[in-house]
Amino acid sequence: MSTLTDRLCLDRQTDNRIKVAGAVALIVAVATVLQLARQAAVSAWDTVWAEDGSVFLADALEHPFFSTFFEPHGGYLHLVPRLVAGLAASLPLELAAPTFNMVSALVVSLLAAFVYLASASKLQARSSRLALSTLVALLPAAGSELLGNAANLHFYLIFACFWALMWRSDSRGALGARVAVVLATTLSDPLAVLLAPLALADALARRSRRALVVPGAFVFGLALQLAAIAASGSPERLTRFDPADVVPLFALRVAGSLTVGDRFIDDLWFAFGKGFSYGVLGLVAAGLVAGVALSPRRTRLFAAVCIAYSVLFFVVFLAGRGSAGMRPGTDEATWHLAGARFTYAPILFLAAAFLAMLDARVCSVAGVRRVLLPRIALGAVTILVAANFSFRSERSLGPTWSSELSAAREDCADGDPQAHLRVAPAPFGFGLTIACRRLT
């Protein structure tokens, strides 16, 4: 009987692993395809955006494969984009654009699948976890600066690292995935230091040596990052920071984007101005207060942590990189959504708080409501993503990578020793210079 019971348990474990692997494969495949289809006008397959080309690809083309991996840019390490650029530089230059876009989309999809698995520790309903992972991959705010851009993958990694430290599974697969996410984050973004209290809590929660692997990886990666910063100087601020910008920008760019998505913010802003932004901030705040009041203590604590990190990361992003460049324009000619990358993690932290409180509510009801509530949340997320799916941004203006390569080869044919390729439209001015020997 014991042998039969053991065999049945093993069969169930195998079935569960197959189901989990299937869910992960499906999330990765669908999310990757959808990301690559989002960019309007100019295809994502034929553009290399900003620092991907001007810094990371340029360095990878000029130096040996491994030599740039721990080379700081802007004052800190960017391990993940360096790895992507190293791969792109090892392939024919015609493949640089699809390589950056495909690999970046694949990384984001893997992170979305990771969040789906890790969030099971806080979200019991599969629909709730799927809603969160959908936002990780296809958040409306990610449709401009973050789409297919290796240089900005660290904004995705910050949110995934939060879940790597929240997830307490010590199985071999989970441990390996958590360590990979933690190392990728700490070696790509120094603001991972803000997650240090979670790493400490993770280390103190258990007493086994195995439990110290993830916090140890966090400390190791962060130590290397801080050492690199100390050696190269602090990260640069892009624009002036004004503390008075925090609340209005949080209202418009975080609460507003979470509610309606970036595609519709301009129309609502021109129609209602600050009435719209402060109105949605009030609705979001009221929803959070109501959710906290109706949730059990454990959920309230988790929601409070998410809300605190939403505000904290937004404030630190603005203080570190500047807030002036994120102010909305006063009319259609001056309207822009620059700095969307700084809103990604704050929006997702708020979404996680809402989903956790809804998930806790689901556990306290029965019957039809127990089935419908998480599906309603997934439906709302699906509508938000679908309505904001196709997105035009500065990157939609080109230039195309194929046309820049053709023009560069023509310059080289005229006898020039090197050629310049644009990787962003004016007035951004991003570009890279390539020796003509690399273009033949």
Protein backbone atom coordinates (compact mmCIF):
# COMPACT_ATOMS: atom_id res chain seq x y z
CA MET A 1 0.00 0.00 0.00
CA SER A 2 2.82 2.37 0.88
CA THR A 3 4.52 1.74 -2.47
CA LEU A 4 1.25 2.38 -4.32
CA THR A 5 0.66 5.61 -2.38
CA ASP A 6 4.20 6.83 -3.10
CA ARG A 7 3.76 6.05 -6.79
CA LEU A 8 0.46 7.97 -6.91
CA CYS A 9 2.11 10.96 -5.21
CA LEU A 10 4.95 10.92 -7.72
CA ASP A 11 2.46 10.74 -10.59
CA ARG A 12 0.61 13.75 -9.21
CA GLN A 13 3.86 15.69 -8.80
CA THR A 14 4.80 14.86 -12.38
CA ASP A 15 1.36 15.98 -13.62
CA ASN A 16 1.69 19.24 -11.66
CA ARG A 17 5.15 19.89 -13.10
CA ILE A 18 3.85 19.28 -16.61
CA LYS A 19 0.97 21.70 -16.01
CA VAL A 20 3.31 24.34 -14.60
CA ALA A 21 5.75 23.91 -17.50
CA GLY A 22 2.89 24.16 -19.96
CA ALA A 23 1.56 27.34 -18.32
CA VAL A 24 5.03 28.92 -18.34
CA ALA A 25 5.62 27.99 -21.99
CA LEU A 26 2.23 29.41 -23.00
CA ILE A 27 2.77 32.68 -21.12
CA VAL A 28 6.26 33.12 -22.61
CA ALA A 29 5.17 32.35 -26.18
CA VAL A 30 2.04 34.51 -26.19
CA ALA A 31 3.63 37.42 -24.33
CA THR A 32 6.66 37.48 -26.65
CA VAL A 33 4.55 37.52 -29.81
CA LEU A 34 2.25 40.23 -28.47
CA GLN A 35 5.13 42.47 -27.39
CA LEU A 36 6.72 42.30 -30.82
CA ALA A 37 3.40 43.24 -32.43
CA ARG A 38 2.74 46.36 -30.33
CA GLN A 39 4.88 48.98 -32.03
CA ALA A 40 2.89 50.97 -34.60
CA ALA A 41 4.18 52.54 -37.84
CA VAL A 42 7.78 51.28 -37.90
CA SER A 43 8.16 47.60 -37.00
CA ALA A 44 9.98 46.71 -33.81
CA TRP A 45 11.91 44.20 -35.89
CA ASP A 46 13.64 47.02 -37.74
CA THR A 47 14.58 49.52 -35.04
CA VAL A 48 17.36 49.70 -32.47
CA TRP A 49 16.45 52.25 -29.82
CA ALA A 50 18.71 54.80 -28.14
CA GLU A 51 21.35 53.36 -25.74
CA ASP A 52 20.86 49.86 -27.14
CA GLY A 53 22.70 51.04 -30.22
CA SER A 54 24.61 54.14 -29.19
CA VAL A 55 26.19 52.60 -26.07
CA PHE A 56 25.79 48.86 -25.66
CA LEU A 57 26.03 47.69 -29.28
CA ALA A 58 28.76 50.23 -30.03
CA ASP A 59 30.85 48.96 -27.10
CA ALA A 60 30.20 45.31 -27.95
CA LEU A 61 31.35 45.85 -31.53
CA GLU A 62 34.59 47.49 -30.45
CA HIS A 63 35.61 45.18 -27.61
CA PRO A 64 35.85 41.43 -26.92
CA PHE A 65 32.65 39.62 -25.91
CA PHE A 66 33.22 39.45 -22.14
CA SER A 67 35.23 42.63 -21.61
CA THR A 68 32.28 45.06 -21.42
CA PHE A 69 29.94 43.06 -19.20
CA PHE A 70 31.00 44.88 -16.04
CA GLU A 71 31.69 48.24 -17.69
CA PRO A 72 29.51 50.95 -16.03
CA HIS A 73 27.38 53.33 -18.06
CA GLY A 74 25.82 56.42 -16.52
CA GLY A 75 27.56 55.54 -13.28
CA TYR A 76 26.34 51.96 -12.73
CA LEU A 77 26.42 48.43 -14.14
CA HIS A 78 23.99 47.19 -16.82
CA LEU A 79 24.73 43.47 -17.00
CA VAL A 80 21.58 42.35 -18.86
CA PRO A 81 21.74 44.86 -21.77
CA ARG A 82 25.49 44.15 -22.02
CA LEU A 83 24.69 40.46 -22.47
CA VAL A 84 22.06 41.21 -25.12
CA ALA A 85 24.45 43.55 -26.96
CA GLY A 86 27.22 40.95 -26.83
CA LEU A 87 24.91 38.46 -28.52
CA ALA A 88 23.84 41.01 -31.16
CA ALA A 89 27.46 41.94 -31.90
CA SER A 90 28.38 38.30 -32.48
CA LEU A 91 25.79 38.01 -35.26
CA PRO A 92 25.59 39.71 -38.69
CA LEU A 93 24.66 43.38 -38.27
CA GLU A 94 21.43 42.85 -40.24
CA LEU A 95 20.23 40.83 -37.25
CA ALA A 96 21.00 43.49 -34.61
CA ALA A 97 17.49 44.97 -34.55
CA PRO A 98 15.58 41.67 -34.38
CA THR A 99 18.09 40.35 -31.82
CA PHE A 100 17.62 43.30 -29.45
CA ASN A 101 13.84 43.18 -29.82
CA MET A 102 13.41 39.41 -29.71
CA VAL A 103 15.72 38.86 -26.74
CA SER A 104 14.29 41.82 -24.81
CA ALA A 105 10.74 40.58 -25.40
CA LEU A 106 11.76 37.07 -24.39
CA VAL A 107 13.33 38.31 -21.14
CA VAL A 108 10.17 40.26 -20.29
CA SER A 109 8.03 37.20 -21.05
CA LEU A 110 10.18 35.02 -18.81
CA LEU A 111 9.85 37.59 -16.03
CA ALA A 112 6.06 37.61 -16.53
CA ALA A 113 6.02 33.81 -16.21
CA PHE A 114 8.24 34.08 -13.12
CA VAL A 115 5.82 36.55 -11.51
CA TYR A 116 2.94 34.21 -12.34
CA LEU A 117 4.64 31.41 -10.39
CA ALA A 118 6.07 33.53 -7.57
CA SER A 119 2.84 35.43 -6.90
CA ALA A 120 1.12 32.16 -5.94
CA SER A 121 2.50 32.85 -2.47
CA LYS A 122 0.14 35.85 -2.22
CA LEU A 123 -2.53 35.29 -4.89
CA GLN A 124 -4.44 32.02 -4.70
CA ALA A 125 -6.65 32.45 -7.78
CA ARG A 126 -4.98 31.61 -11.09
CA SER A 127 -6.96 34.40 -12.75
CA SER A 128 -5.43 36.93 -10.33
CA ARG A 129 -1.91 35.70 -11.06
CA LEU A 130 -2.56 35.70 -14.80
CA ALA A 131 -3.87 39.28 -14.58
CA LEU A 132 -0.67 40.38 -12.84
CA SER A 133 1.64 38.57 -15.26
CA THR A 134 -0.31 40.07 -18.18
CA LEU A 135 0.39 43.54 -16.82
CA VAL A 136 4.08 42.67 -16.36
CA ALA A 137 4.41 41.88 -20.07
CA LEU A 138 1.88 44.27 -21.63
CA LEU A 139 1.40 47.21 -19.28
CA PRO A 140 0.14 50.21 -21.31
CA ALA A 141 2.94 52.41 -19.94
CA ALA A 142 5.49 49.98 -21.40
CA GLY A 143 4.36 50.66 -24.96
CA SER A 144 6.77 53.53 -25.56
CA GLU A 145 10.18 53.66 -23.86
CA LEU A 146 10.29 50.09 -22.60
CA LEU A 147 9.12 48.12 -25.62
CA GLY A 148 11.88 45.94 -27.09
CA ASN A 149 14.54 47.97 -25.30
CA ALA A 150 17.32 46.07 -23.51
CA ALA A 151 18.65 49.25 -21.85
CA ASN A 152 15.43 49.56 -19.84
CA LEU A 153 14.98 45.92 -18.84
CA HIS A 154 16.10 46.77 -15.32
CA PHE A 155 12.73 48.45 -14.71
CA TYR A 156 11.04 45.09 -15.34
CA LEU A 157 13.65 43.37 -13.20
CA ILE A 158 12.94 45.57 -10.16
CA PHE A 159 9.37 44.29 -9.95
CA ALA A 160 10.42 40.69 -10.59
CA CYS A 161 13.09 40.98 -7.87
CA PHE A 162 10.39 42.05 -5.42
CA TRP A 163 8.63 38.75 -6.08
CA ALA A 164 11.90 36.79 -5.97
CA LEU A 165 12.32 38.01 -2.39
CA MET A 166 8.64 37.53 -1.51
CA TRP A 167 8.50 33.97 -2.84
CA ARG A 168 9.65 31.59 -0.14
CA SER A 169 9.91 28.38 -2.19
CA ASP A 170 13.22 26.52 -1.79
CA SER A 171 12.64 23.89 -4.47
CA ARG A 172 15.55 23.50 -6.86
CA GLY A 173 13.79 25.14 -9.80
CA ALA A 174 12.35 28.01 -7.77
CA LEU A 175 15.65 28.65 -6.03
CA GLY A 176 17.52 28.79 -9.34
CA ALA A 177 14.97 31.17 -10.86
CA ARG A 178 14.98 33.43 -7.79
CA VAL A 179 18.77 33.64 -7.73
CA ALA A 180 18.90 34.42 -11.46
CA VAL A 181 16.36 37.25 -11.09
CA VAL A 182 18.08 38.69 -8.00
CA LEU A 183 21.53 38.70 -9.61
CA ALA A 184 20.23 40.13 -12.90
CA THR A 185 18.49 42.93 -10.99
CA THR A 186 21.26 43.92 -8.60
CA LEU A 187 23.85 43.89 -11.42
CA SER A 188 21.63 46.05 -13.64
CA ASP A 189 20.05 48.60 -11.29
CA PRO A 190 21.47 50.06 -8.05
CA LEU A 191 17.96 50.94 -6.87
CA ALA A 192 17.58 47.29 -6.02
CA VAL A 193 19.01 48.46 -2.70
CA LEU A 194 15.49 49.66 -1.84
CA LEU A 195 14.46 46.00 -1.71
CA ALA A 196 17.11 45.21 0.92
CA PRO A 197 14.54 45.05 3.78
CA LEU A 198 12.79 42.21 1.93
CA ALA A 199 16.09 40.37 1.50
CA LEU A 200 16.77 40.76 5.23
CA ALA A 201 13.27 39.51 6.07
CA ASP A 202 13.81 36.56 3.73
CA ALA A 203 17.05 35.67 5.50
CA LEU A 204 15.51 35.94 8.98
CA ALA A 205 12.33 34.04 8.12
CA ARG A 206 14.08 30.64 8.03
CA ARG A 207 17.08 29.07 9.66
CA SER A 208 18.36 26.58 7.04
CA ARG A 209 21.44 27.31 4.97
CA ARG A 210 19.41 26.81 1.81
CA ALA A 211 17.22 29.72 2.88
CA LEU A 212 20.22 32.07 2.74
CA VAL A 213 21.01 31.45 -0.93
CA VAL A 214 18.70 34.13 -2.36
CA PRO A 215 19.52 36.84 0.22
CA GLY A 216 23.20 35.96 -0.22
CA ALA A 217 22.93 36.38 -3.99
CA PHE A 218 21.19 39.72 -3.43
CA VAL A 219 23.97 40.99 -1.17
CA PHE A 220 26.68 39.71 -3.52
CA GLY A 221 25.19 41.36 -6.61
CA LEU A 222 24.46 44.59 -4.81
CA ALA A 223 28.01 44.73 -3.40
CA LEU A 224 29.44 44.47 -6.92
CA GLN A 225 27.04 47.16 -8.15
CA LEU A 226 27.90 49.58 -5.34
CA ALA A 227 31.61 48.94 -5.84
CA ALA A 228 31.25 49.83 -9.51
CA ILE A 229 29.37 53.02 -8.61
CA ALA A 230 32.05 53.99 -6.10
CA ALA A 231 34.72 53.50 -8.76
CA SER A 232 32.94 55.36 -11.58
CA GLY A 233 30.94 58.08 -9.85
CA SER A 234 27.23 58.46 -9.04
CA PRO A 235 24.52 58.09 -11.73
CA GLU A 236 23.70 61.26 -13.62
CA ARG A 237 20.48 63.26 -13.25
CA LEU A 238 18.75 63.91 -16.58
CA THR A 239 16.58 66.91 -15.65
CA ARG A 240 15.88 69.14 -12.64
CA PHE A 241 13.93 67.62 -9.74
CA ASP A 242 11.16 69.61 -8.08
CA PRO A 243 9.48 67.97 -5.05
CA ALA A 244 6.25 69.78 -5.95
CA ASP A 245 6.03 67.58 -9.07
CA VAL A 246 5.69 64.30 -7.13
CA VAL A 247 1.97 64.34 -6.28
CA PRO A 248 0.63 65.71 -9.61
CA LEU A 249 2.88 63.39 -11.62
CA PHE A 250 1.97 60.38 -9.48
CA ALA A 251 -1.70 61.24 -9.94
CA LEU A 252 -1.47 61.55 -13.72
CA ARG A 253 1.25 59.09 -14.70
CA VAL A 254 0.69 56.31 -12.13
CA ALA A 255 -2.94 56.45 -10.99
CA GLY A 256 -4.11 57.72 -14.38
CA SER A 257 -2.20 55.11 -16.36
CA LEU A 258 -3.35 52.30 -14.06
CA THR A 259 -6.95 53.39 -14.58
CA VAL A 260 -7.19 54.18 -18.30
CA GLY A 261 -3.76 53.48 -19.82
CA ASP A 262 -1.34 55.92 -21.45
CA ARG A 263 -3.16 55.96 -24.79
CA PHE A 264 -6.13 57.93 -23.40
CA ILE A 265 -4.45 60.15 -20.84
CA ASP A 266 -3.94 63.03 -23.27
CA ASP A 267 -7.61 63.34 -24.26
CA LEU A 268 -8.75 63.21 -20.64
CA TRP A 269 -6.03 65.65 -19.56
CA PHE A 270 -6.99 68.19 -22.24
CA ALA A 271 -10.68 67.77 -21.40
CA PHE A 272 -10.51 67.88 -17.61
CA GLY A 273 -6.94 68.87 -16.66
CA LYS A 274 -6.00 68.33 -13.04
CA GLY A 275 -9.59 67.37 -12.33
CA PHE A 276 -8.94 64.12 -14.17
CA SER A 277 -5.58 63.31 -12.55
CA TYR A 278 -6.64 64.13 -9.00
CA GLY A 279 -9.99 62.46 -9.59
CA VAL A 280 -8.41 59.12 -10.54
CA LEU A 281 -5.93 59.49 -7.67
CA GLY A 282 -8.88 59.87 -5.32
CA LEU A 283 -10.61 56.82 -6.81
CA VAL A 284 -7.45 54.72 -6.52
CA ALA A 285 -6.86 55.88 -2.93
CA ALA A 286 -10.49 55.17 -2.00
CA GLY A 287 -10.27 51.71 -3.54
CA LEU A 288 -7.10 50.95 -1.61
CA VAL A 289 -8.57 52.16 1.69
CA ALA A 290 -11.73 50.10 1.16
CA GLY A 291 -9.72 47.05 0.18
CA VAL A 292 -7.49 47.34 3.23
CA ALA A 293 -10.49 47.67 5.51
CA LEU A 294 -12.08 44.49 4.13
CA SER A 295 -8.91 42.39 4.00
CA PRO A 296 -7.38 40.10 6.63
CA ARG A 297 -4.27 41.26 8.49
CA ARG A 298 -1.79 39.35 6.33
CA THR A 299 -3.22 40.83 3.13
CA ARG A 300 -3.30 44.32 4.63
CA LEU A 301 0.39 44.04 5.45
CA PHE A 302 1.27 42.89 1.94
CA ALA A 303 -0.86 45.63 0.36
CA ALA A 304 0.80 48.24 2.58
CA VAL A 305 4.24 47.04 1.45
CA CYS A 306 3.18 47.27 -2.22
CA ILE A 307 1.71 50.76 -1.79
CA ALA A 308 4.81 51.94 0.06
CA TYR A 309 7.09 50.61 -2.69
CA SER A 310 4.93 52.21 -5.38
CA VAL A 311 5.40 55.62 -3.81
CA LEU A 312 9.00 55.05 -2.77
CA PHE A 313 10.25 53.94 -6.18
CA PHE A 314 8.42 56.77 -7.94
CA VAL A 315 9.88 59.40 -5.62
CA VAL A 316 13.39 57.95 -5.85
CA PHE A 317 13.17 57.65 -9.65
CA LEU A 318 12.17 61.30 -9.91
CA ALA A 319 14.72 62.49 -7.36
CA GLY A 320 17.49 60.56 -9.07
CA ARG A 321 16.69 61.29 -12.72
CA GLY A 322 14.70 64.52 -12.52
CA SER A 323 11.02 65.41 -12.76
CA ALA A 324 10.99 68.38 -15.15
CA GLY A 325 11.09 66.17 -18.24
CA MET A 326 7.96 64.28 -17.17
CA ARG A 327 5.65 67.27 -16.91
CA PRO A 328 2.81 66.98 -19.45
CA GLY A 329 2.50 69.48 -22.27
CA THR A 330 -0.12 72.20 -22.27
CA ASP A 331 -1.49 71.37 -25.74
CA GLU A 332 -1.33 68.66 -28.40
CA ALA A 333 1.83 70.15 -29.93
CA THR A 334 3.78 69.92 -26.68
CA TRP A 335 2.14 66.81 -25.20
CA HIS A 336 4.46 63.90 -24.37
CA LEU A 337 4.76 60.95 -22.01
CA ALA A 338 8.51 61.04 -21.50
CA GLY A 339 9.83 59.06 -18.55
CA ALA A 340 7.24 56.27 -18.87
CA ARG A 341 9.93 53.85 -17.66
CA PHE A 342 9.78 55.50 -14.22
CA THR A 343 6.08 54.68 -13.89
CA TYR A 344 6.31 50.96 -14.73
CA ALA A 345 7.17 49.51 -11.30
CA PRO A 346 5.00 51.99 -9.32
CA ILE A 347 1.94 51.08 -11.43
CA LEU A 348 2.58 47.35 -11.00
CA PHE A 349 3.00 47.65 -7.24
CA LEU A 350 -0.41 49.33 -7.01
CA ALA A 351 -1.92 46.66 -9.27
CA ALA A 352 -0.43 43.93 -7.06
CA ALA A 353 -2.00 45.55 -3.97
CA PHE A 354 -5.43 45.65 -5.61
CA LEU A 355 -5.20 42.08 -6.86
CA ALA A 356 -4.05 40.77 -3.47
CA MET A 357 -6.98 42.42 -1.70
CA LEU A 358 -9.45 41.16 -4.30
CA ASP A 359 -7.93 37.69 -4.04
CA ALA A 360 -8.38 37.73 -0.26
CA ARG A 361 -12.00 38.77 -0.76
CA VAL A 362 -12.51 35.83 -3.11
CA CYS A 363 -11.40 33.44 -0.38
CA SER A 364 -14.06 34.82 1.98
CA VAL A 365 -17.04 34.34 -0.35
CA ALA A 366 -18.66 31.30 -1.87
CA GLY A 367 -20.69 30.25 -4.87
CA VAL A 368 -20.76 32.24 -8.08
CA ARG A 369 -18.94 35.25 -6.62
CA ARG A 370 -15.93 33.09 -5.75
CA VAL A 371 -15.58 32.22 -9.44
CA LEU A 372 -16.55 35.56 -10.95
CA LEU A 373 -14.48 38.04 -8.90
CA PRO A 374 -10.99 37.00 -10.09
CA ARG A 375 -12.29 36.59 -13.64
CA ILE A 376 -13.73 40.09 -13.55
CA ALA A 377 -10.30 41.37 -12.52
CA LEU A 378 -8.66 39.45 -15.37
CA GLY A 379 -11.29 40.80 -17.76
CA ALA A 380 -10.63 44.38 -16.64
CA VAL A 381 -6.89 43.93 -17.15
CA THR A 382 -7.50 42.38 -20.58
CA ILE A 383 -9.68 45.32 -21.63
CA LEU A 384 -7.08 47.82 -20.36
CA VAL A 385 -4.27 46.07 -22.24
CA ALA A 386 -6.30 45.59 -25.44
CA ALA A 387 -7.45 49.22 -25.53
CA ASN A 388 -3.83 50.39 -25.15
CA PHE A 389 -2.21 47.63 -27.18
CA SER A 390 -1.00 49.46 -30.30
CA PHE A 391 1.05 52.48 -29.33
CA ARG A 392 2.82 55.26 -31.22
CA SER A 393 5.85 56.90 -29.66
CA GLU A 394 9.03 58.68 -30.70
CA ARG A 395 10.42 55.27 -31.65
CA SER A 396 7.61 54.84 -34.19
CA LEU A 397 9.27 57.62 -36.21
CA GLY A 398 12.25 55.40 -36.97
CA PRO A 399 14.85 55.43 -38.37
CA THR A 400 14.79 51.86 -39.57
CA TRP A 401 17.92 49.83 -38.89
CA SER A 402 17.96 48.37 -42.43
CA SER A 403 17.91 51.81 -44.08
CA GLU A 404 20.69 53.07 -41.80
CA LEU A 405 22.83 50.05 -42.64
CA SER A 406 22.29 50.63 -46.37
CA ALA A 407 23.26 54.30 -46.06
CA ALA A 408 26.33 53.39 -44.00
CA ARG A 409 27.48 50.89 -46.62
CA GLU A 410 27.12 53.54 -49.30
CA ASP A 411 29.34 55.88 -47.29
CA CYS A 412 31.90 53.12 -46.92
CA ALA A 413 31.79 52.46 -50.67
CA ASP A 414 32.80 56.09 -51.20
CA GLY A 415 36.02 55.44 -49.31
CA ASP A 416 35.11 56.53 -45.79
CA PRO A 417 36.90 54.49 -43.08
CA GLN A 418 33.85 54.52 -40.82
CA ALA A 419 30.14 55.30 -40.97
CA HIS A 420 27.58 56.79 -38.59
CA LEU A 421 24.21 55.14 -37.99
CA ARG A 422 21.28 56.90 -36.32
CA VAL A 423 19.30 54.89 -33.78
CA ALA A 424 16.77 57.56 -32.78
CA PRO A 425 15.11 60.46 -34.58
CA ALA A 426 15.98 64.11 -33.98
CA PRO A 427 16.28 65.76 -31.51
CA PHE A 428 17.40 62.75 -29.44
CA GLY A 429 20.66 62.44 -31.35
CA PHE A 430 21.48 58.84 -30.47
CA GLY A 431 23.76 57.05 -32.91
CA LEU A 432 26.83 54.89 -33.26
CA THR A 433 29.93 54.95 -35.41
CA ILE A 434 31.00 51.66 -36.98
CA ALA A 435 34.26 50.87 -38.74
CA CYS A 436 33.61 50.04 -42.38
CA ARG A 437 35.39 46.71 -41.99
CA ARG A 438 32.46 45.59 -39.80
CA LEU A 439 29.96 46.44 -42.56
CA THR A 440 31.42 44.30 -45.31
